[in-house]
Amino acid sequence: MKKVQILGTGCVKCKKLSEQAELAIAELGEGYELEKISDIEEIVDFGVMITPALAIDGEVKAVGKVLSKNEIVILLRAEQE
């Protein structure tokens, strides 16, 4: 199961990224787990200094922007290959 991680403290952009990730996961079906990480120390451990950020299985894929559902779907499909 792939883990999609949203790194953010709960700001508006963080919530929007989380919503888009949920939509992407719903479109792709089973096999994905969404994890929201809001602890600053844990976020910094990822090497992220600007939120929101999106990681897949611990690897940061996007920082400082809200990806669309389609952009997230593309990232997740690329991880399947």
PDB file of N, CA and C in Angstrom:
ATOM      1  N   MET A   1       0.845  -1.179   0.000  1.00  0.00           N
ATOM      2  CA  MET A   1       0.000   0.000   0.000  1.00  0.00           C
ATOM      3  C   MET A   1       0.894   1.247   0.000  1.00  0.00           C
ATOM      4  N   LYS A   2       0.619   2.154  -0.916  1.00  0.00           N
ATOM      5  CA  LYS A   2       1.357   3.410  -1.005  1.00  0.00           C
ATOM      6  C   LYS A   2       0.829   4.395   0.035  1.00  0.00           C
ATOM      7  N   LYS A   3       1.761   5.122   0.655  1.00  0.00           N
ATOM      8  CA  LYS A   3       1.380   6.117   1.648  1.00  0.00           C
ATOM      9  C   LYS A   3       1.561   7.510   1.052  1.00  0.00           C
ATOM     10  N   VAL A   4       0.454   8.255   0.973  1.00  0.00           N
ATOM     11  CA  VAL A   4       0.466   9.636   0.507  1.00  0.00           C
ATOM     12  C   VAL A   4       0.476  10.510   1.750  1.00  0.00           C
ATOM     13  N   GLN A   5       1.511  11.337   1.877  1.00  0.00           N
ATOM     14  CA  GLN A   5       1.674  12.141   3.087  1.00  0.00           C
ATOM     15  C   GLN A   5       1.539  13.624   2.767  1.00  0.00           C
ATOM     16  N   ILE A   6       0.680  14.290   3.526  1.00  0.00           N
ATOM     17  CA  ILE A   6       0.503  15.726   3.418  1.00  0.00           C
ATOM     18  C   ILE A   6       1.248  16.354   4.590  1.00  0.00           C
ATOM     19  N   LEU A   7       2.217  17.193   4.280  1.00  0.00           N
ATOM     20  CA  LEU A   7       3.004  17.846   5.309  1.00  0.00           C
ATOM     21  C   LEU A   7       2.541  19.293   5.420  1.00  0.00           C
ATOM     22  N   GLY A   8       1.999  19.651   6.580  1.00  0.00           N
ATOM     23  CA  GLY A   8       1.520  21.011   6.780  1.00  0.00           C
ATOM     24  C   GLY A   8       0.902  21.189   8.140  1.00  0.00           C
ATOM     25  N   THR A   9       0.854  22.426   8.568  1.00  0.00           N
ATOM     26  CA  THR A   9       0.386  22.735   9.916  1.00  0.00           C
ATOM     27  C   THR A   9      -1.117  22.941  10.014  1.00  0.00           C
ATOM     28  N   GLY A  10      -1.812  22.863   8.908  1.00  0.00           N
ATOM     29  CA  GLY A  10      -3.261  23.020   8.943  1.00  0.00           C
ATOM     30  C   GLY A  10      -3.743  24.318   8.329  1.00  0.00           C
ATOM     31  N   CYS A  11      -2.869  25.003   7.597  1.00  0.00           N
ATOM     32  CA  CYS A  11      -3.251  26.257   6.940  1.00  0.00           C
ATOM     33  C   CYS A  11      -4.248  25.961   5.807  1.00  0.00           C
ATOM     34  N   VAL A  12      -4.786  26.995   5.230  1.00  0.00           N
ATOM     35  CA  VAL A  12      -5.771  26.838   4.166  1.00  0.00           C
ATOM     36  C   VAL A  12      -5.196  26.044   2.996  1.00  0.00           C
ATOM     37  N   LYS A  13      -3.964  26.365   2.594  1.00  0.00           N
ATOM     38  CA  LYS A  13      -3.342  25.642   1.477  1.00  0.00           C
ATOM     39  C   LYS A  13      -3.103  24.183   1.826  1.00  0.00           C
ATOM     40  N   CYS A  14      -2.728  23.925   3.072  1.00  0.00           N
ATOM     41  CA  CYS A  14      -2.500  22.538   3.507  1.00  0.00           C
ATOM     42  C   CYS A  14      -3.795  21.735   3.423  1.00  0.00           C
ATOM     43  N   LYS A  15      -4.873  22.340   3.862  1.00  0.00           N
ATOM     44  CA  LYS A  15      -6.173  21.664   3.807  1.00  0.00           C
ATOM     45  C   LYS A  15      -6.604  21.420   2.370  1.00  0.00           C
ATOM     46  N   LYS A  16      -6.348  22.390   1.494  1.00  0.00           N
ATOM     47  CA  LYS A  16      -6.715  22.240   0.083  1.00  0.00           C
ATOM     48  C   LYS A  16      -5.913  21.111  -0.566  1.00  0.00           C
ATOM     49  N   LEU A  17      -4.615  21.037  -0.266  1.00  0.00           N
ATOM     50  CA  LEU A  17      -3.790  19.955  -0.805  1.00  0.00           C
ATOM     51  C   LEU A  17      -4.300  18.600  -0.318  1.00  0.00           C
ATOM     52  N   SER A  18      -4.684  18.543   0.937  1.00  0.00           N
ATOM     53  CA  SER A  18      -5.222  17.316   1.504  1.00  0.00           C
ATOM     54  C   SER A  18      -6.504  16.906   0.785  1.00  0.00           C
ATOM     55  N   GLU A  19      -7.377  17.876   0.513  1.00  0.00           N
ATOM     56  CA  GLU A  19      -8.629  17.595  -0.209  1.00  0.00           C
ATOM     57  C   GLU A  19      -8.333  17.051  -1.614  1.00  0.00           C
ATOM     58  N   GLN A  20      -7.365  17.668  -2.292  1.00  0.00           N
ATOM     59  CA  GLN A  20      -7.014  17.224  -3.645  1.00  0.00           C
ATOM     60  C   GLN A  20      -6.419  15.816  -3.621  1.00  0.00           C
ATOM     61  N   ALA A  21      -5.624  15.524  -2.598  1.00  0.00           N
ATOM     62  CA  ALA A  21      -5.050  14.182  -2.458  1.00  0.00           C
ATOM     63  C   ALA A  21      -6.148  13.150  -2.220  1.00  0.00           C
ATOM     64  N   GLU A  22      -7.129  13.504  -1.408  1.00  0.00           N
ATOM     65  CA  GLU A  22      -8.253  12.590  -1.153  1.00  0.00           C
ATOM     66  C   GLU A  22      -9.005  12.291  -2.444  1.00  0.00           C
ATOM     67  N   LEU A  23      -9.218  13.325  -3.266  1.00  0.00           N
ATOM     68  CA  LEU A  23      -9.909  13.127  -4.540  1.00  0.00           C
ATOM     69  C   LEU A  23      -9.086  12.232  -5.470  1.00  0.00           C
ATOM     70  N   ALA A  24      -7.765  12.436  -5.503  1.00  0.00           N
ATOM     71  CA  ALA A  24      -6.894  11.622  -6.351  1.00  0.00           C
ATOM     72  C   ALA A  24      -6.929  10.167  -5.912  1.00  0.00           C
ATOM     73  N   ILE A  25      -6.863   9.941  -4.615  1.00  0.00           N
ATOM     74  CA  ILE A  25      -6.902   8.576  -4.085  1.00  0.00           C
ATOM     75  C   ILE A  25      -8.235   7.919  -4.404  1.00  0.00           C
ATOM     76  N   ALA A  26      -9.314   8.675  -4.272  1.00  0.00           N
ATOM     77  CA  ALA A  26     -10.639   8.138  -4.587  1.00  0.00           C
ATOM     78  C   ALA A  26     -10.733   7.749  -6.061  1.00  0.00           C
ATOM     79  N   GLU A  27     -10.115   8.548  -6.928  1.00  0.00           N
ATOM     80  CA  GLU A  27     -10.157   8.246  -8.361  1.00  0.00           C
ATOM     81  C   GLU A  27      -9.375   6.976  -8.696  1.00  0.00           C
ATOM     82  N   LEU A  28      -8.245   6.777  -8.026  1.00  0.00           N
ATOM     83  CA  LEU A  28      -7.392   5.630  -8.334  1.00  0.00           C
ATOM     84  C   LEU A  28      -7.842   4.341  -7.664  1.00  0.00           C
ATOM     85  N   GLY A  29      -8.651   4.462  -6.636  1.00  0.00           N
ATOM     86  CA  GLY A  29      -9.144   3.259  -5.963  1.00  0.00           C
ATOM     87  C   GLY A  29      -8.273   2.855  -4.796  1.00  0.00           C
ATOM     88  N   GLU A  30      -8.355   1.586  -4.448  1.00  0.00           N
ATOM     89  CA  GLU A  30      -7.650   1.082  -3.272  1.00  0.00           C
ATOM     90  C   GLU A  30      -6.153   1.026  -3.498  1.00  0.00           C
ATOM     91  N   GLY A  31      -5.427   0.849  -2.391  1.00  0.00           N
ATOM     92  CA  GLY A  31      -3.988   0.723  -2.482  1.00  0.00           C
ATOM     93  C   GLY A  31      -3.237   1.951  -2.005  1.00  0.00           C
ATOM     94  N   TYR A  32      -3.980   2.936  -1.501  1.00  0.00           N
ATOM     95  CA  TYR A  32      -3.361   4.172  -1.032  1.00  0.00           C
ATOM     96  C   TYR A  32      -3.862   4.514   0.367  1.00  0.00           C
ATOM     97  N   GLU A  33      -2.975   5.058   1.153  1.00  0.00           N
ATOM     98  CA  GLU A  33      -3.315   5.503   2.506  1.00  0.00           C
ATOM     99  C   GLU A  33      -2.896   6.963   2.622  1.00  0.00           C
ATOM    100  N   LEU A  34      -3.783   7.811   3.150  1.00  0.00           N
ATOM    101  CA  LEU A  34      -3.482   9.233   3.319  1.00  0.00           C
ATOM    102  C   LEU A  34      -3.063   9.485   4.759  1.00  0.00           C
ATOM    103  N   GLU A  35      -1.925  10.140   4.915  1.00  0.00           N
ATOM    104  CA  GLU A  35      -1.421  10.488   6.246  1.00  0.00           C
ATOM    105  C   GLU A  35      -1.159  11.990   6.271  1.00  0.00           C
ATOM    106  N   LYS A  36      -1.677  12.643   7.304  1.00  0.00           N
ATOM    107  CA  LYS A  36      -1.455  14.075   7.469  1.00  0.00           C
ATOM    108  C   LYS A  36      -0.435  14.278   8.585  1.00  0.00           C
ATOM    109  N   ILE A  37       0.629  14.986   8.250  1.00  0.00           N
ATOM    110  CA  ILE A  37       1.701  15.236   9.211  1.00  0.00           C
ATOM    111  C   ILE A  37       1.731  16.729   9.512  1.00  0.00           C
ATOM    112  N   SER A  38       1.460  17.083  10.772  1.00  0.00           N
ATOM    113  CA  SER A  38       1.407  18.493  11.143  1.00  0.00           C
ATOM    114  C   SER A  38       2.476  18.894  12.152  1.00  0.00           C
ATOM    115  N   ASP A  39       3.210  17.935  12.661  1.00  0.00           N
ATOM    116  CA  ASP A  39       4.263  18.232  13.628  1.00  0.00           C
ATOM    117  C   ASP A  39       5.449  18.886  12.912  1.00  0.00           C
ATOM    118  N   ILE A  40       5.812  20.087  13.354  1.00  0.00           N
ATOM    119  CA  ILE A  40       6.871  20.859  12.698  1.00  0.00           C
ATOM    120  C   ILE A  40       8.187  20.082  12.642  1.00  0.00           C
ATOM    121  N   GLU A  41       8.562  19.444  13.718  1.00  0.00           N
ATOM    122  CA  GLU A  41       9.827  18.704  13.745  1.00  0.00           C
ATOM    123  C   GLU A  41       9.819  17.565  12.732  1.00  0.00           C
ATOM    124  N   GLU A  42       8.697  16.897  12.627  1.00  0.00           N
ATOM    125  CA  GLU A  42       8.579  15.799  11.668  1.00  0.00           C
ATOM    126  C   GLU A  42       8.647  16.331  10.231  1.00  0.00           C
ATOM    127  N   ILE A  43       8.009  17.479   9.995  1.00  0.00           N
ATOM    128  CA  ILE A  43       8.045  18.100   8.668  1.00  0.00           C
ATOM    129  C   ILE A  43       9.478  18.469   8.301  1.00  0.00           C
ATOM    130  N   VAL A  44      10.202  19.065   9.244  1.00  0.00           N
ATOM    131  CA  VAL A  44      11.594  19.445   9.014  1.00  0.00           C
ATOM    132  C   VAL A  44      12.456  18.209   8.749  1.00  0.00           C
ATOM    133  N   ASP A  45      12.143  17.098   9.409  1.00  0.00           N
ATOM    134  CA  ASP A  45      12.877  15.853   9.177  1.00  0.00           C
ATOM    135  C   ASP A  45      12.789  15.399   7.718  1.00  0.00           C
ATOM    136  N   PHE A  46      11.719  15.784   7.036  1.00  0.00           N
ATOM    137  CA  PHE A  46      11.567  15.485   5.619  1.00  0.00           C
ATOM    138  C   PHE A  46      12.429  16.422   4.762  1.00  0.00           C
ATOM    139  N   GLY A  47      12.992  17.469   5.388  1.00  0.00           N
ATOM    140  CA  GLY A  47      13.754  18.470   4.652  1.00  0.00           C
ATOM    141  C   GLY A  47      12.883  19.572   4.094  1.00  0.00           C
ATOM    142  N   VAL A  48      11.651  19.647   4.561  1.00  0.00           N
ATOM    143  CA  VAL A  48      10.688  20.626   4.070  1.00  0.00           C
ATOM    144  C   VAL A  48      10.721  21.864   4.954  1.00  0.00           C
ATOM    145  N   MET A  49      10.892  23.024   4.319  1.00  0.00           N
ATOM    146  CA  MET A  49      10.909  24.291   5.048  1.00  0.00           C
ATOM    147  C   MET A  49       9.691  25.148   4.702  1.00  0.00           C
ATOM    148  N   ILE A  50       9.000  24.809   3.612  1.00  0.00           N
ATOM    149  CA  ILE A  50       7.822  25.559   3.177  1.00  0.00           C
ATOM    150  C   ILE A  50       6.677  24.564   2.997  1.00  0.00           C
ATOM    151  N   THR A  51       5.544  24.864   3.602  1.00  0.00           N
ATOM    152  CA  THR A  51       4.376  23.998   3.451  1.00  0.00           C
ATOM    153  C   THR A  51       3.345  24.704   2.580  1.00  0.00           C
ATOM    154  N   PRO A  52       2.431  23.955   2.007  1.00  0.00           N
ATOM    155  CA  PRO A  52       2.246  22.521   2.142  1.00  0.00           C
ATOM    156  C   PRO A  52       3.243  21.746   1.290  1.00  0.00           C
ATOM    157  N   ALA A  53       3.386  20.484   1.627  1.00  0.00           N
ATOM    158  CA  ALA A  53       4.225  19.594   0.839  1.00  0.00           C
ATOM    159  C   ALA A  53       3.525  18.251   0.719  1.00  0.00           C
ATOM    160  N   LEU A  54       3.868  17.531  -0.330  1.00  0.00           N
ATOM    161  CA  LEU A  54       3.295  16.214  -0.558  1.00  0.00           C
ATOM    162  C   LEU A  54       4.441  15.229  -0.715  1.00  0.00           C
ATOM    163  N   ALA A  55       4.335  14.126  -0.009  1.00  0.00           N
ATOM    164  CA  ALA A  55       5.328  13.056  -0.120  1.00  0.00           C
ATOM    165  C   ALA A  55       4.604  11.752  -0.418  1.00  0.00           C
ATOM    166  N   ILE A  56       5.309  10.878  -1.120  1.00  0.00           N
ATOM    167  CA  ILE A  56       4.789   9.537  -1.392  1.00  0.00           C
ATOM    168  C   ILE A  56       5.803   8.554  -0.832  1.00  0.00           C
ATOM    169  N   ASP A  57       5.352   7.744   0.101  1.00  0.00           N
ATOM    170  CA  ASP A  57       6.222   6.774   0.773  1.00  0.00           C
ATOM    171  C   ASP A  57       7.498   7.420   1.310  1.00  0.00           C
ATOM    172  N   GLY A  58       7.338   8.611   1.888  1.00  0.00           N
ATOM    173  CA  GLY A  58       8.458   9.286   2.534  1.00  0.00           C
ATOM    174  C   GLY A  58       9.330  10.117   1.619  1.00  0.00           C
ATOM    175  N   GLU A  59       9.057  10.106   0.319  1.00  0.00           N
ATOM    176  CA  GLU A  59       9.843  10.889  -0.642  1.00  0.00           C
ATOM    177  C   GLU A  59       9.045  12.130  -1.048  1.00  0.00           C
ATOM    178  N   VAL A  60       9.593  13.303  -0.762  1.00  0.00           N
ATOM    179  CA  VAL A  60       8.907  14.566  -1.051  1.00  0.00           C
ATOM    180  C   VAL A  60       8.814  14.757  -2.561  1.00  0.00           C
ATOM    181  N   LYS A  61       7.601  15.038  -3.026  1.00  0.00           N
ATOM    182  CA  LYS A  61       7.353  15.218  -4.455  1.00  0.00           C
ATOM    183  C   LYS A  61       7.015  16.660  -4.819  1.00  0.00           C
ATOM    184  N   ALA A  62       6.482  17.430  -3.870  1.00  0.00           N
ATOM    185  CA  ALA A  62       6.110  18.814  -4.141  1.00  0.00           C
ATOM    186  C   ALA A  62       6.170  19.611  -2.844  1.00  0.00           C
ATOM    187  N   VAL A  63       6.644  20.854  -2.963  1.00  0.00           N
ATOM    188  CA  VAL A  63       6.797  21.720  -1.790  1.00  0.00           C
ATOM    189  C   VAL A  63       6.271  23.111  -2.111  1.00  0.00           C
ATOM    190  N   GLY A  64       5.510  23.668  -1.166  1.00  0.00           N
ATOM    191  CA  GLY A  64       5.107  25.065  -1.256  1.00  0.00           C
ATOM    192  C   GLY A  64       3.992  25.383  -2.222  1.00  0.00           C
ATOM    193  N   LYS A  65       3.290  24.358  -2.699  1.00  0.00           N
ATOM    194  CA  LYS A  65       2.175  24.639  -3.606  1.00  0.00           C
ATOM    195  C   LYS A  65       1.083  23.599  -3.454  1.00  0.00           C
ATOM    196  N   VAL A  66      -0.095  23.993  -3.901  1.00  0.00           N
ATOM    197  CA  VAL A  66      -1.247  23.091  -3.874  1.00  0.00           C
ATOM    198  C   VAL A  66      -1.345  22.430  -5.240  1.00  0.00           C
ATOM    199  N   LEU A  67      -1.097  21.149  -5.276  1.00  0.00           N
ATOM    200  CA  LEU A  67      -1.229  20.394  -6.515  1.00  0.00           C
ATOM    201  C   LEU A  67      -2.704  20.113  -6.781  1.00  0.00           C
ATOM    202  N   SER A  68      -3.056  20.032  -8.043  1.00  0.00           N
ATOM    203  CA  SER A  68      -4.422  19.658  -8.396  1.00  0.00           C
ATOM    204  C   SER A  68      -4.584  18.153  -8.240  1.00  0.00           C
ATOM    205  N   LYS A  69      -5.814  17.714  -8.255  1.00  0.00           N
ATOM    206  CA  LYS A  69      -6.103  16.278  -8.197  1.00  0.00           C
ATOM    207  C   LYS A  69      -5.386  15.567  -9.333  1.00  0.00           C
ATOM    208  N   ASN A  70      -5.453  16.135 -10.534  1.00  0.00           N
ATOM    209  CA  ASN A  70      -4.833  15.496 -11.701  1.00  0.00           C
ATOM    210  C   ASN A  70      -3.321  15.416 -11.563  1.00  0.00           C
ATOM    211  N   GLU A  71      -2.688  16.444 -11.025  1.00  0.00           N
ATOM    212  CA  GLU A  71      -1.237  16.411 -10.820  1.00  0.00           C
ATOM    213  C   GLU A  71      -0.861  15.300  -9.830  1.00  0.00           C
ATOM    214  N   ILE A  72      -1.666  15.135  -8.802  1.00  0.00           N
ATOM    215  CA  ILE A  72      -1.398  14.091  -7.812  1.00  0.00           C
ATOM    216  C   ILE A  72      -1.610  12.711  -8.428  1.00  0.00           C
ATOM    217  N   VAL A  73      -2.644  12.562  -9.225  1.00  0.00           N
ATOM    218  CA  VAL A  73      -2.898  11.288  -9.911  1.00  0.00           C
ATOM    219  C   VAL A  73      -1.690  10.925 -10.779  1.00  0.00           C
ATOM    220  N   ILE A  74      -1.150  11.894 -11.506  1.00  0.00           N
ATOM    221  CA  ILE A  74       0.020  11.648 -12.357  1.00  0.00           C
ATOM    222  C   ILE A  74       1.198  11.173 -11.528  1.00  0.00           C
ATOM    223  N   LEU A  75       1.440  11.830 -10.390  1.00  0.00           N
ATOM    224  CA  LEU A  75       2.539  11.417  -9.500  1.00  0.00           C
ATOM    225  C   LEU A  75       2.344   9.991  -8.992  1.00  0.00           C
ATOM    226  N   LEU A  76       1.123   9.688  -8.582  1.00  0.00           N
ATOM    227  CA  LEU A  76       0.848   8.356  -8.046  1.00  0.00           C
ATOM    228  C   LEU A  76       0.975   7.275  -9.115  1.00  0.00           C
ATOM    229  N   ARG A  77       0.521   7.569 -10.310  1.00  0.00           N
ATOM    230  CA  ARG A  77       0.644   6.595 -11.407  1.00  0.00           C
ATOM    231  C   ARG A  77       2.110   6.371 -11.756  1.00  0.00           C
ATOM    232  N   ALA A  78       2.904   7.436 -11.727  1.00  0.00           N
ATOM    233  CA  ALA A  78       4.339   7.310 -12.018  1.00  0.00           C
ATOM    234  C   ALA A  78       5.021   6.418 -10.975  1.00  0.00           C
ATOM    235  N   GLU A  79       4.539   6.454  -9.742  1.00  0.00           N
ATOM    236  CA  GLU A  79       5.114   5.629  -8.681  1.00  0.00           C
ATOM    237  C   GLU A  79       4.784   4.154  -8.881  1.00  0.00           C
ATOM    238  N   GLN A  80       3.721   3.860  -9.611  1.00  0.00           N
ATOM    239  CA  GLN A  80       3.318   2.479  -9.852  1.00  0.00           C
ATOM    240  C   GLN A  80       4.200   1.799 -10.898  1.00  0.00           C
ATOM    241  N   GLU A  81       4.848   2.594 -11.740  1.00  0.00           N
ATOM    242  CA  GLU A  81       5.656   2.036 -12.830  1.00  0.00           C
ATOM    243  C   GLU A  81       6.994   1.561 -12.374  1.00  0.00           C
TER     244      GLU A  81
END
